[in-house]
C-alpha atoms as a PDB file:
ATOM      1  CA  UNK A   1     -15.957  -0.996  10.936  1.00  0.00           C
ATOM      2  CA  UNK A   2     -14.956  -1.033   7.288  1.00  0.00           C
ATOM      3  CA  UNK A   3     -13.289   2.224   6.318  1.00  0.00           C
ATOM      4  CA  UNK A   4     -14.890   3.200   3.016  1.00  0.00           C
ATOM      5  CA  UNK A   5     -16.509   6.248   1.500  1.00  0.00           C
ATOM      6  CA  UNK A   6     -18.083   4.340  -1.421  1.00  0.00           C
ATOM      7  CA  UNK A   7     -21.589   2.961  -1.829  1.00  0.00           C
ATOM      8  CA  UNK A   8     -20.963   0.572  -4.752  1.00  0.00           C
ATOM      9  CA  UNK A   9     -19.786  -3.013  -4.219  1.00  0.00           C
ATOM     10  CA  UNK A  10     -16.014  -2.965  -3.675  1.00  0.00           C
ATOM     11  CA  UNK A  11     -13.591  -4.989  -5.776  1.00  0.00           C
ATOM     12  CA  UNK A  12     -11.565  -5.676  -2.602  1.00  0.00           C
ATOM     13  CA  UNK A  13     -12.972  -5.972   0.902  1.00  0.00           C
ATOM     14  CA  UNK A  14     -10.682  -6.535   3.869  1.00  0.00           C
ATOM     15  CA  UNK A  15     -12.119  -7.194   7.337  1.00  0.00           C
ATOM     16  CA  UNK A  16     -10.313  -7.672  10.626  1.00  0.00           C
ATOM     17  CA  UNK A  17      -6.964  -8.404   8.976  1.00  0.00           C
ATOM     18  CA  UNK A  18      -4.168  -9.352  11.386  1.00  0.00           C
ATOM     19  CA  UNK A  19      -0.666 -10.753  11.129  1.00  0.00           C
ATOM     20  CA  UNK A  20       1.388 -11.970  14.079  1.00  0.00           C
ATOM     21  CA  UNK A  21       4.927 -13.305  13.842  1.00  0.00           C
ATOM     22  CA  UNK A  22       6.346 -15.656  16.493  1.00  0.00           C
ATOM     23  CA  UNK A  23       9.648 -14.460  17.910  1.00  0.00           C
ATOM     24  CA  UNK A  24      12.484 -16.430  19.565  1.00  0.00           C
ATOM     25  CA  UNK A  25      11.947 -17.417  23.186  1.00  0.00           C
ATOM     26  CA  UNK A  26      13.898 -15.453  25.746  1.00  0.00           C
ATOM     27  CA  UNK A  27      14.069 -18.538  27.988  1.00  0.00           C
ATOM     28  CA  UNK A  28      14.196 -22.195  26.985  1.00  0.00           C
ATOM     29  CA  UNK A  29      10.780 -23.051  28.396  1.00  0.00           C
ATOM     30  CA  UNK A  30       9.375 -19.540  28.448  1.00  0.00           C
ATOM     31  CA  UNK A  31       6.453 -18.279  26.361  1.00  0.00           C
ATOM     32  CA  UNK A  32       7.106 -17.405  22.734  1.00  0.00           C
ATOM     33  CA  UNK A  33       6.684 -13.634  22.194  1.00  0.00           C
ATOM     34  CA  UNK A  34       4.423 -12.582  19.322  1.00  0.00           C
ATOM     35  CA  UNK A  35       5.110  -9.525  17.193  1.00  0.00           C
ATOM     36  CA  UNK A  36       1.863  -8.014  15.902  1.00  0.00           C
ATOM     37  CA  UNK A  37       2.669  -6.420  12.541  1.00  0.00           C
ATOM     38  CA  UNK A  38      -0.960  -5.817  11.505  1.00  0.00           C
ATOM     39  CA  UNK A  39      -3.916  -5.655  13.892  1.00  0.00           C
ATOM     40  CA  UNK A  40      -7.611  -5.476  12.983  1.00  0.00           C
ATOM     41  CA  UNK A  41      -7.263  -3.639   9.667  1.00  0.00           C
ATOM     42  CA  UNK A  42     -10.465  -3.238   7.629  1.00  0.00           C
ATOM     43  CA  UNK A  43     -11.078  -1.338   4.404  1.00  0.00           C
ATOM     44  CA  UNK A  44     -12.911  -1.435   1.083  1.00  0.00           C
ATOM     45  CA  UNK A  45     -11.410  -0.614  -2.294  1.00  0.00           C
ATOM     46  CA  UNK A  46     -13.636   0.344  -5.205  1.00  0.00           C
ATOM     47  CA  UNK A  47     -12.834  -0.579  -8.790  1.00  0.00           C
ATOM     48  CA  UNK A  48     -10.706   2.101 -10.441  1.00  0.00           C
ATOM     49  CA  UNK A  49      -9.790   3.706  -7.113  1.00  0.00           C
ATOM     50  CA  UNK A  50      -6.370   4.394  -5.606  1.00  0.00           C
ATOM     51  CA  UNK A  51      -6.100   3.878  -1.866  1.00  0.00           C
ATOM     52  CA  UNK A  52      -2.751   4.956  -0.442  1.00  0.00           C
ATOM     53  CA  UNK A  53      -1.434   3.493   2.815  1.00  0.00           C
ATOM     54  CA  UNK A  54       1.088   5.755   4.541  1.00  0.00           C
ATOM     55  CA  UNK A  55       3.076   5.719   7.770  1.00  0.00           C
ATOM     56  CA  UNK A  56       6.539   5.483   9.262  1.00  0.00           C
ATOM     57  CA  UNK A  57       8.860   2.594   8.449  1.00  0.00           C
ATOM     58  CA  UNK A  58       7.855  -0.509  10.363  1.00  0.00           C
ATOM     59  CA  UNK A  59       4.208   0.491  10.806  1.00  0.00           C
ATOM     60  CA  UNK A  60       2.974  -2.568   8.858  1.00  0.00           C
ATOM     61  CA  UNK A  61       1.907  -1.000   5.561  1.00  0.00           C
ATOM     62  CA  UNK A  62       3.963  -3.336   3.338  1.00  0.00           C
ATOM     63  CA  UNK A  63       2.713  -6.298   5.353  1.00  0.00           C
ATOM     64  CA  UNK A  64      -0.855  -5.313   4.461  1.00  0.00           C
ATOM     65  CA  UNK A  65       0.065  -5.426   0.757  1.00  0.00           C
ATOM     66  CA  UNK A  66       1.760  -8.809   1.149  1.00  0.00           C
ATOM     67  CA  UNK A  67      -1.291 -10.202   2.951  1.00  0.00           C
ATOM     68  CA  UNK A  68      -3.653  -9.005   0.230  1.00  0.00           C
ATOM     69  CA  UNK A  69      -1.512 -10.796  -2.366  1.00  0.00           C
ATOM     70  CA  UNK A  70      -1.155 -13.986  -0.266  1.00  0.00           C
ATOM     71  CA  UNK A  71       2.606 -13.532  -0.049  1.00  0.00           C
ATOM     72  CA  UNK A  72       1.980 -13.834   3.689  1.00  0.00           C
ATOM     73  CA  UNK A  73      -0.784 -15.858   5.328  1.00  0.00           C
ATOM     74  CA  UNK A  74      -3.029 -13.803   7.622  1.00  0.00           C
ATOM     75  CA  UNK A  75      -3.313 -14.741  11.286  1.00  0.00           C
ATOM     76  CA  UNK A  76      -6.926 -13.558  11.230  1.00  0.00           C
ATOM     77  CA  UNK A  77      -9.356 -11.706   9.016  1.00  0.00           C
ATOM     78  CA  UNK A  78     -11.047 -11.952   5.630  1.00  0.00           C
ATOM     79  CA  UNK A  79      -9.715 -10.826   2.241  1.00  0.00           C
ATOM     80  CA  UNK A  80     -12.519 -10.872  -0.328  1.00  0.00           C
ATOM     81  CA  UNK A  81     -11.728 -10.103  -3.969  1.00  0.00           C
ATOM     82  CA  UNK A  82     -14.759  -9.618  -6.232  1.00  0.00           C
ATOM     83  CA  UNK A  83     -16.866 -11.242  -3.522  1.00  0.00           C
ATOM     84  CA  UNK A  84     -14.671 -14.347  -3.195  1.00  0.00           C
ATOM     85  CA  UNK A  85     -12.951 -15.023   0.135  1.00  0.00           C
ATOM     86  CA  UNK A  86      -9.310 -15.581  -0.777  1.00  0.00           C
ATOM     87  CA  UNK A  87      -7.947 -15.571   2.764  1.00  0.00           C
ATOM     88  CA  UNK A  88      -8.657 -19.306   2.993  1.00  0.00           C
ATOM     89  CA  UNK A  89      -8.187 -20.240  -0.659  1.00  0.00           C
ATOM     90  CA  UNK A  90      -5.866 -23.119  -1.502  1.00  0.00           C
ATOM     91  CA  UNK A  91      -2.812 -22.884  -3.745  1.00  0.00           C
ATOM     92  CA  UNK A  92      -4.704 -23.970  -6.875  1.00  0.00           C
ATOM     93  CA  UNK A  93      -7.346 -21.284  -6.403  1.00  0.00           C
ATOM     94  CA  UNK A  94      -4.707 -18.617  -5.787  1.00  0.00           C
ATOM     95  CA  UNK A  95      -2.874 -19.681  -8.927  1.00  0.00           C
ATOM     96  CA  UNK A  96      -6.060 -19.177 -10.928  1.00  0.00           C
ATOM     97  CA  UNK A  97      -6.549 -15.746  -9.372  1.00  0.00           C
ATOM     98  CA  UNK A  98      -2.919 -14.654  -9.415  1.00  0.00           C
ATOM     99  CA  UNK A  99      -3.068 -12.830 -12.737  1.00  0.00           C
ATOM    100  CA  UNK A 100      -5.849 -10.576 -11.374  1.00  0.00           C
ATOM    101  CA  UNK A 101      -3.706  -9.342  -8.466  1.00  0.00           C
ATOM    102  CA  UNK A 102      -0.190  -8.174  -9.231  1.00  0.00           C
ATOM    103  CA  UNK A 103       2.646  -6.471  -7.360  1.00  0.00           C
ATOM    104  CA  UNK A 104       4.954  -3.623  -8.381  1.00  0.00           C
ATOM    105  CA  UNK A 105       8.113  -3.967  -6.296  1.00  0.00           C
ATOM    106  CA  UNK A 106      10.172  -1.209  -4.727  1.00  0.00           C
ATOM    107  CA  UNK A 107      13.491  -2.845  -5.672  1.00  0.00           C
ATOM    108  CA  UNK A 108      13.136  -3.200  -9.428  1.00  0.00           C
ATOM    109  CA  UNK A 109      16.700  -4.442  -9.882  1.00  0.00           C
ATOM    110  CA  UNK A 110      16.177  -7.245  -7.382  1.00  0.00           C
ATOM    111  CA  UNK A 111      12.810  -8.127  -8.941  1.00  0.00           C
ATOM    112  CA  UNK A 112      14.280  -8.704 -12.419  1.00  0.00           C
ATOM    113  CA  UNK A 113      16.206 -11.790 -13.539  1.00  0.00           C
ATOM    114  CA  UNK A 114      19.687 -10.658 -14.666  1.00  0.00           C
ATOM    115  CA  UNK A 115      19.943 -13.646 -17.031  1.00  0.00           C
ATOM    116  CA  UNK A 116      16.948 -12.787 -19.225  1.00  0.00           C
ATOM    117  CA  UNK A 117      16.257  -9.891 -21.553  1.00  0.00           C
ATOM    118  CA  UNK A 118      13.391  -7.620 -20.584  1.00  0.00           C
ATOM    119  CA  UNK A 119      11.021  -8.816 -23.306  1.00  0.00           C
ATOM    120  CA  UNK A 120      11.608 -12.457 -22.325  1.00  0.00           C
ATOM    121  CA  UNK A 121      10.847 -11.678 -18.677  1.00  0.00           C
ATOM    122  CA  UNK A 122       7.587  -9.945 -19.543  1.00  0.00           C
ATOM    123  CA  UNK A 123       6.578 -12.836 -21.797  1.00  0.00           C
ATOM    124  CA  UNK A 124       7.410 -15.355 -19.066  1.00  0.00           C
ATOM    125  CA  UNK A 125       4.291 -14.446 -17.092  1.00  0.00           C
ATOM    126  CA  UNK A 126       2.122 -15.142 -20.121  1.00  0.00           C
ATOM    127  CA  UNK A 127       3.728 -18.556 -20.461  1.00  0.00           C
ATOM    128  CA  UNK A 128       3.205 -19.410 -16.777  1.00  0.00           C
ATOM    129  CA  UNK A 129      -0.482 -18.509 -16.957  1.00  0.00           C
ATOM    130  CA  UNK A 130      -0.884 -19.954 -20.468  1.00  0.00           C
ATOM    131  CA  UNK A 131      -2.281 -16.730 -21.828  1.00  0.00           C
ATOM    132  CA  UNK A 132      -2.378 -16.459 -25.619  1.00  0.00           C
ATOM    133  CA  UNK A 133      -0.748 -18.671 -28.208  1.00  0.00           C
ATOM    134  CA  UNK A 134       2.977 -19.383 -27.724  1.00  0.00           C
ATOM    135  CA  UNK A 135       3.760 -17.621 -30.985  1.00  0.00           C
ATOM    136  CA  UNK A 136       1.977 -14.458 -29.786  1.00  0.00           C
ATOM    137  CA  UNK A 137       3.396 -14.105 -26.287  1.00  0.00           C
ATOM    138  CA  UNK A 138       6.674 -12.384 -27.125  1.00  0.00           C
ATOM    139  CA  UNK A 139       4.911  -9.960 -29.457  1.00  0.00           C
ATOM    140  CA  UNK A 140       2.367  -9.187 -26.759  1.00  0.00           C
ATOM    141  CA  UNK A 141       5.151  -8.602 -24.250  1.00  0.00           C
ATOM    142  CA  UNK A 142       6.892  -6.215 -26.608  1.00  0.00           C
ATOM    143  CA  UNK A 143       3.660  -4.333 -27.188  1.00  0.00           C
ATOM    144  CA  UNK A 144       3.297  -3.829 -23.425  1.00  0.00           C
ATOM    145  CA  UNK A 145       6.905  -2.686 -23.112  1.00  0.00           C
ATOM    146  CA  UNK A 146       6.191  -0.109 -25.773  1.00  0.00           C
ATOM    147  CA  UNK A 147       3.150   1.042 -23.785  1.00  0.00           C
ATOM    148  CA  UNK A 148       5.358   1.808 -20.766  1.00  0.00           C
ATOM    149  CA  UNK A 149       7.990   3.610 -22.823  1.00  0.00           C
ATOM    150  CA  UNK A 150      10.496   0.815 -23.415  1.00  0.00           C
ATOM    151  CA  UNK A 151      10.138   0.401 -27.156  1.00  0.00           C
ATOM    152  CA  UNK A 152      12.801  -0.039 -29.797  1.00  0.00           C
ATOM    153  CA  UNK A 153      16.057  -1.711 -28.847  1.00  0.00           C
ATOM    154  CA  UNK A 154      15.435  -1.228 -25.100  1.00  0.00           C
ATOM    155  CA  UNK A 155      13.132  -4.249 -24.915  1.00  0.00           C
ATOM    156  CA  UNK A 156      15.916  -6.619 -25.920  1.00  0.00           C
ATOM    157  CA  UNK A 157      18.330  -5.434 -23.241  1.00  0.00           C
ATOM    158  CA  UNK A 158      19.267  -7.064 -19.948  1.00  0.00           C
ATOM    159  CA  UNK A 159      18.299  -5.389 -16.640  1.00  0.00           C
ATOM    160  CA  UNK A 160      21.817  -4.103 -15.916  1.00  0.00           C
ATOM    161  CA  UNK A 161      21.744  -2.216 -19.215  1.00  0.00           C
ATOM    162  CA  UNK A 162      18.762  -0.127 -18.097  1.00  0.00           C
ATOM    163  CA  UNK A 163      18.511   2.851 -15.752  1.00  0.00           C
ATOM    164  CA  UNK A 164      16.567   2.616 -12.489  1.00  0.00           C
ATOM    165  CA  UNK A 165      13.524   4.270 -14.033  1.00  0.00           C
ATOM    166  CA  UNK A 166      13.637   1.952 -17.041  1.00  0.00           C
ATOM    167  CA  UNK A 167      13.909  -1.086 -14.765  1.00  0.00           C
ATOM    168  CA  UNK A 168      10.815   0.049 -12.871  1.00  0.00           C
ATOM    169  CA  UNK A 169       8.939   0.471 -16.154  1.00  0.00           C
ATOM    170  CA  UNK A 170       9.886  -3.107 -17.029  1.00  0.00           C
ATOM    171  CA  UNK A 171       8.534  -4.330 -13.677  1.00  0.00           C
ATOM    172  CA  UNK A 172       5.281  -2.457 -14.345  1.00  0.00           C
ATOM    173  CA  UNK A 173       5.040  -3.984 -17.830  1.00  0.00           C
ATOM    174  CA  UNK A 174       5.601  -7.476 -16.438  1.00  0.00           C
ATOM    175  CA  UNK A 175       2.695  -7.012 -14.023  1.00  0.00           C
ATOM    176  CA  UNK A 176       0.443  -5.284 -16.533  1.00  0.00           C
ATOM    177  CA  UNK A 177       0.841  -7.816 -19.348  1.00  0.00           C
ATOM    178  CA  UNK A 178      -1.276 -10.283 -17.340  1.00  0.00           C
ATOM    179  CA  UNK A 179      -4.224  -7.846 -17.487  1.00  0.00           C
ATOM    180  CA  UNK A 180      -4.667  -7.542 -13.700  1.00  0.00           C
ATOM    181  CA  UNK A 181      -7.592  -5.815 -12.037  1.00  0.00           C
ATOM    182  CA  UNK A 182      -5.754  -4.841  -8.843  1.00  0.00           C
ATOM    183  CA  UNK A 183      -2.118  -3.790  -8.502  1.00  0.00           C
ATOM    184  CA  UNK A 184      -0.333  -3.395  -5.181  1.00  0.00           C
ATOM    185  CA  UNK A 185       2.363  -0.760  -5.628  1.00  0.00           C
ATOM    186  CA  UNK A 186       4.828  -1.120  -2.756  1.00  0.00           C
ATOM    187  CA  UNK A 187       6.953   2.046  -2.626  1.00  0.00           C
ATOM    188  CA  UNK A 188       7.177   1.974  -6.452  1.00  0.00           C
ATOM    189  CA  UNK A 189       9.183   5.207  -6.789  1.00  0.00           C
ATOM    190  CA  UNK A 190      11.097   5.336  -3.487  1.00  0.00           C
ATOM    191  CA  UNK A 191      14.394   4.224  -5.044  1.00  0.00           C
ATOM    192  CA  UNK A 192      14.228   6.654  -7.985  1.00  0.00           C
ATOM    193  CA  UNK A 193      15.488  10.198  -8.509  1.00  0.00           C
ATOM    194  CA  UNK A 194      12.854  12.900  -8.059  1.00  0.00           C
ATOM    195  CA  UNK A 195      12.619  13.703 -11.778  1.00  0.00           C
ATOM    196  CA  UNK A 196      12.206  10.011 -12.621  1.00  0.00           C
ATOM    197  CA  UNK A 197       9.654   9.599  -9.819  1.00  0.00           C
ATOM    198  CA  UNK A 198       7.354  12.069 -11.543  1.00  0.00           C
ATOM    199  CA  UNK A 199       7.624  10.175 -14.829  1.00  0.00           C
ATOM    200  CA  UNK A 200       6.777   6.819 -13.247  1.00  0.00           C
ATOM    201  CA  UNK A 201       3.908   8.276 -11.205  1.00  0.00           C
ATOM    202  CA  UNK A 202       2.434   9.865 -14.332  1.00  0.00           C
ATOM    203  CA  UNK A 203       2.848   6.550 -16.149  1.00  0.00           C
ATOM    204  CA  UNK A 204       0.952   4.693 -13.412  1.00  0.00           C
ATOM    205  CA  UNK A 205      -1.899   7.190 -13.627  1.00  0.00           C
ATOM    206  CA  UNK A 206      -2.040   6.967 -17.420  1.00  0.00           C
ATOM    207  CA  UNK A 207      -2.115   3.164 -17.238  1.00  0.00           C
ATOM    208  CA  UNK A 208      -4.872   3.276 -14.629  1.00  0.00           C
ATOM    209  CA  UNK A 209      -7.029   5.350 -16.963  1.00  0.00           C
ATOM    210  CA  UNK A 210      -6.226   3.227 -20.016  1.00  0.00           C
ATOM    211  CA  UNK A 211      -6.717  -0.197 -18.402  1.00  0.00           C
ATOM    212  CA  UNK A 212      -9.197   0.515 -15.585  1.00  0.00           C
ATOM    213  CA  UNK A 213      -6.747  -0.509 -12.862  1.00  0.00           C
ATOM    214  CA  UNK A 214      -7.303  -0.387  -9.114  1.00  0.00           C
ATOM    215  CA  UNK A 215      -4.274   0.524  -6.975  1.00  0.00           C
ATOM    216  CA  UNK A 216      -3.318  -0.193  -3.386  1.00  0.00           C
ATOM    217  CA  UNK A 217      -0.479   2.310  -3.207  1.00  0.00           C
ATOM    218  CA  UNK A 218       1.962   1.908  -0.311  1.00  0.00           C
ATOM    219  CA  UNK A 219       4.300   4.816   0.320  1.00  0.00           C
ATOM    220  CA  UNK A 220       5.976   6.976   2.942  1.00  0.00           C
ATOM    221  CA  UNK A 221       6.256   9.924   0.513  1.00  0.00           C
ATOM    222  CA  UNK A 222       3.268  12.203   1.136  1.00  0.00           C
ATOM    223  CA  UNK A 223       4.046  14.436  -1.859  1.00  0.00           C
ATOM    224  CA  UNK A 224       3.675  11.404  -4.152  1.00  0.00           C
ATOM    225  CA  UNK A 225       0.579  10.205  -2.302  1.00  0.00           C
ATOM    226  CA  UNK A 226      -1.106  13.576  -2.677  1.00  0.00           C
ATOM    227  CA  UNK A 227      -0.604  13.341  -6.424  1.00  0.00           C
ATOM    228  CA  UNK A 228      -1.931   9.811  -6.958  1.00  0.00           C
ATOM    229  CA  UNK A 229      -4.420   8.891  -4.208  1.00  0.00           C
ATOM    230  CA  UNK A 230      -8.191   9.112  -4.101  1.00  0.00           C
ATOM    231  CA  UNK A 231      -8.213   8.120  -0.436  1.00  0.00           C
ATOM    232  CA  UNK A 232      -5.470   7.789   2.160  1.00  0.00           C
ATOM    233  CA  UNK A 233      -5.192   5.391   5.095  1.00  0.00           C
ATOM    234  CA  UNK A 234      -2.736   6.505   7.792  1.00  0.00           C
ATOM    235  CA  UNK A 235      -1.171   3.578   9.651  1.00  0.00           C
ATOM    236  CA  UNK A 236       0.540   3.532  13.032  1.00  0.00           C
ATOM    237  CA  UNK A 237       1.897   0.479  14.841  1.00  0.00           C
ATOM    238  CA  UNK A 238      -0.119  -1.999  12.791  1.00  0.00           C
ATOM    239  CA  UNK A 239      -3.465  -0.184  12.809  1.00  0.00           C
ATOM    240  CA  UNK A 240      -5.249   2.369  10.646  1.00  0.00           C
ATOM    241  CA  UNK A 241      -5.659   5.550  12.691  1.00  0.00           C
ATOM    242  CA  UNK A 242      -7.296   7.661   9.974  1.00  0.00           C
ATOM    243  CA  UNK A 243      -8.902   7.022   6.587  1.00  0.00           C
ATOM    244  CA  UNK A 244     -10.116   9.975   4.537  1.00  0.00           C
ATOM    245  CA  UNK A 245     -10.332  11.375   1.062  1.00  0.00           C
ATOM    246  CA  UNK A 246      -7.072  12.877  -0.179  1.00  0.00           C
ATOM    247  CA  UNK A 247      -8.327  16.466  -0.081  1.00  0.00           C
ATOM    248  CA  UNK A 248      -9.863  16.095   3.392  1.00  0.00           C
ATOM    249  CA  UNK A 249      -6.733  14.529   4.851  1.00  0.00           C
ATOM    250  CA  UNK A 250      -4.317  17.102   3.462  1.00  0.00           C
ATOM    251  CA  UNK A 251      -6.500  20.105   4.257  1.00  0.00           C
ATOM    252  CA  UNK A 252      -7.752  19.074   7.711  1.00  0.00           C
ATOM    253  CA  UNK A 253      -6.222  15.898   9.155  1.00  0.00           C
ATOM    254  CA  UNK A 254      -8.185  14.674  12.167  1.00  0.00           C
ATOM    255  CA  UNK A 255      -5.665  12.464  13.949  1.00  0.00           C
ATOM    256  CA  UNK A 256      -2.605  13.916  15.756  1.00  0.00           C
ATOM    257  CA  UNK A 257      -0.347  11.423  13.972  1.00  0.00           C
ATOM    258  CA  UNK A 258      -1.713  12.474  10.565  1.00  0.00           C
ATOM    259  CA  UNK A 259      -1.120  16.100  11.491  1.00  0.00           C
ATOM    260  CA  UNK A 260       2.450  15.297  12.496  1.00  0.00           C
ATOM    261  CA  UNK A 261       3.169  13.543   9.191  1.00  0.00           C
ATOM    262  CA  UNK A 262       1.609  16.209   6.985  1.00  0.00           C
ATOM    263  CA  UNK A 263       2.921  19.144   9.003  1.00  0.00           C
ATOM    264  CA  UNK A 264       6.474  17.862   8.592  1.00  0.00           C
ATOM    265  CA  UNK A 265       6.309  17.996   4.772  1.00  0.00           C
ATOM    266  CA  UNK A 266       6.895  21.493   3.334  1.00  0.00           C
ATOM    267  CA  UNK A 267       4.807  20.787   0.224  1.00  0.00           C
ATOM    268  CA  UNK A 268       1.826  19.432   2.187  1.00  0.00           C
ATOM    269  CA  UNK A 269      -0.478  22.460   2.102  1.00  0.00           C
ATOM    270  CA  UNK A 270      -4.232  22.683   1.972  1.00  0.00           C
ATOM    271  CA  UNK A 271      -6.088  23.630  -1.187  1.00  0.00           C
ATOM    272  CA  UNK A 272      -6.281  27.190   0.155  1.00  0.00           C
ATOM    273  CA  UNK A 273      -2.531  27.454   0.638  1.00  0.00           C
ATOM    274  CA  UNK A 274      -2.605  27.339   4.462  1.00  0.00           C
ATOM    275  CA  UNK A 275      -0.137  25.059   6.161  1.00  0.00           C
ATOM    276  CA  UNK A 276      -1.457  22.298   8.373  1.00  0.00           C
ATOM    277  CA  UNK A 277      -0.622  23.183  11.974  1.00  0.00           C
ATOM    278  CA  UNK A 278       2.163  20.698  12.808  1.00  0.00           C
ATOM    279  CA  UNK A 279       2.051  18.462  15.855  1.00  0.00           C
ATOM    280  CA  UNK A 280       5.311  17.699  17.639  1.00  0.00           C
ATOM    281  CA  UNK A 281       5.506  14.048  18.648  1.00  0.00           C
ATOM    282  CA  UNK A 282       7.916  13.021  21.372  1.00  0.00           C
ATOM    283  CA  UNK A 283      10.328  10.104  21.157  1.00  0.00           C
ATOM    284  CA  UNK A 284      10.298   7.095  18.856  1.00  0.00           C
ATOM    285  CA  UNK A 285       7.502   4.640  17.985  1.00  0.00           C
ATOM    286  CA  UNK A 286       7.199   1.892  20.615  1.00  0.00           C
ATOM    287  CA  UNK A 287       8.115  -1.696  19.824  1.00  0.00           C
ATOM    288  CA  UNK A 288       5.272  -3.753  18.338  1.00  0.00           C
ATOM    289  CA  UNK A 289       6.398  -6.508  20.732  1.00  0.00           C
ATOM    290  CA  UNK A 290       5.436  -4.305  23.680  1.00  0.00           C
ATOM    291  CA  UNK A 291       2.728  -1.865  22.543  1.00  0.00           C
ATOM    292  CA  UNK A 292       1.523   0.641  25.138  1.00  0.00           C
ATOM    293  CA  UNK A 293      -1.826   0.282  26.826  1.00  0.00           C
ATOM    294  CA  UNK A 294      -4.651   2.357  25.366  1.00  0.00           C
ATOM    295  CA  UNK A 295      -3.947   4.436  22.279  1.00  0.00           C
ATOM    296  CA  UNK A 296      -0.618   3.369  20.778  1.00  0.00           C
ATOM    297  CA  UNK A 297       0.320   7.015  20.184  1.00  0.00           C
ATOM    298  CA  UNK A 298      -0.311   8.174  23.745  1.00  0.00           C
ATOM    299  CA  UNK A 299       3.376   8.159  24.927  1.00  0.00           C
ATOM    300  CA  UNK A 300       4.241  10.549  22.072  1.00  0.00           C
ATOM    301  CA  UNK A 301       1.050  12.589  21.734  1.00  0.00           C
ATOM    302  CA  UNK A 302       0.805  16.076  23.292  1.00  0.00           C
ATOM    303  CA  UNK A 303      -3.007  15.742  23.488  1.00  0.00           C
ATOM    304  CA  UNK A 304      -3.025  12.432  25.399  1.00  0.00           C
ATOM    305  CA  UNK A 305      -5.273  12.178  28.476  1.00  0.00           C
ATOM    306  CA  UNK A 306      -5.914   9.450  31.023  1.00  0.00           C
ATOM    307  CA  UNK A 307      -8.612   8.074  28.708  1.00  0.00           C
ATOM    308  CA  UNK A 308      -6.015   7.714  25.925  1.00  0.00           C
ATOM    309  CA  UNK A 309      -3.675   5.873  28.271  1.00  0.00           C
ATOM    310  CA  UNK A 310      -6.350   3.438  29.411  1.00  0.00           C
ATOM    311  CA  UNK A 311      -8.614   2.750  26.404  1.00  0.00           C
ATOM    312  CA  UNK A 312      -7.654   2.117  22.786  1.00  0.00           C
ATOM    313  CA  UNK A 313      -9.897   4.114  20.428  1.00  0.00           C
ATOM    314  CA  UNK A 314     -11.680   2.269  17.627  1.00  0.00           C
ATOM    315  CA  UNK A 315     -11.782   3.550  14.079  1.00  0.00           C
ATOM    316  CA  UNK A 316     -15.052   5.491  13.906  1.00  0.00           C
ATOM    317  CA  UNK A 317     -16.781   7.699  11.345  1.00  0.00           C
ATOM    318  CA  UNK A 318     -16.445  11.470  11.515  1.00  0.00           C
ATOM    319  CA  UNK A 319     -19.453  13.751  10.955  1.00  0.00           C
ATOM    320  CA  UNK A 320     -17.840  15.374   7.914  1.00  0.00           C
ATOM    321  CA  UNK A 321     -16.737  12.077   6.367  1.00  0.00           C
ATOM    322  CA  UNK A 322     -13.763   9.823   6.851  1.00  0.00           C
ATOM    323  CA  UNK A 323     -12.762   7.675   9.813  1.00  0.00           C
ATOM    324  CA  UNK A 324     -10.487   8.315  12.770  1.00  0.00           C
ATOM    325  CA  UNK A 325      -9.204   6.386  15.787  1.00  0.00           C
ATOM    326  CA  UNK A 326      -8.839   9.181  18.346  1.00  0.00           C
ATOM    327  CA  UNK A 327     -10.877   9.970  21.455  1.00  0.00           C
ATOM    328  CA  UNK A 328     -10.431  13.729  21.006  1.00  0.00           C
ATOM    329  CA  UNK A 329     -10.363  14.246  17.232  1.00  0.00           C
ATOM    330  CA  UNK A 330     -13.243  16.739  17.192  1.00  0.00           C
ATOM    331  CA  UNK A 331     -11.665  18.881  19.927  1.00  0.00           C
ATOM    332  CA  UNK A 332      -8.064  19.162  18.772  1.00  0.00           C
ATOM    333  CA  UNK A 333      -6.754  22.656  18.106  1.00  0.00           C
END
C-alpha cells in the first residue's frame, strides 16, 4: 500500500522499492548471502511537500534517497517522477532528468572540489546541462550564491576558506541553480553546530517557499525533523514501520519503535506539552543479513506476542489517519 495522505497526483511515486547487496561467500562454493538494505518501501510525495525519513543508523534511509536519485539501481520496485517510470530509464534519459532531481550532501567539504572557487563550481552544473548562454552562467551562479547568503567576496573563495555552514550553503546553491523540482536532503545539517543548523534549516524552508521545492529529507535528528517536515516516515531494518503527519507522529506515535525514538528526545513533546510515554527497547538492531522472523522489532519490543514472532505486519492505514506496521498498534498503552 502506498503511504500517502494526499489526494492530488504526486510528483514522486515509489512502489515496492527494494535494494539487495550481494555479500562475500562464506565458503568457496557456498551460496552468496544477500544483505537487504531496503525492502518493499512505498510512498507518495506531493509537490511542495517535505517528507522526512527517520531511523537509526543503518536502517536504510540514505539508501532510499540514493535509489530515488539513481545513484543506486533498485533490485525491485518502481520510481515514478511526474508520472514517468525512471526505475528502468537508460543513462540518456536520466541525464535529461537529472537537473529536476538534486541531492544535498551531508559532507559538504567532501562534496566540493578544493581546486575550484565556489562560484565556478556552481556555474559548472549549468555548463554540464547547457543551461543559459555561456556568458550568463557565472552571473547566474553568483546570483544563486547571493540567494543562499554567500554574496560579496565569499563567492570567489575556495572551499577551505569557508566555514562548515558556508560550505553547506554552497552545496545548496549548486543544487538549486539547476532549478530542480525535487531535492533529496541527506542529513544536510548533521555535521554542523546547533546554531548553524538552525540557520541552514531556515534557509531550506525559505528556499522551498520561494522556488516551490519538494524535499525528501533524511535525518536522524527528530528535533530538526519536527521543524521541517509535513509528514514523517519511520524506518526500521529496511522497511517503513509508520508514516504519519508530523503533528500526529509527535503527539501520538502508533508504533513502539516510533515511541522509543520520540520518547528518547527531551524536546519531542506533543502540542499540549505532554511527553510521549517512552518505550524501552532491549538490545541492538538485528543484522539485515539475518533478520528475525515475523516483525523485525519483536526481539526488542516489550509488546511482542507470538503473532509478532511469527507474522510480519504489513503497513496498513489507521482509522485516524497515517499508516503503521504493527499488529497491536490500536491496543498499546
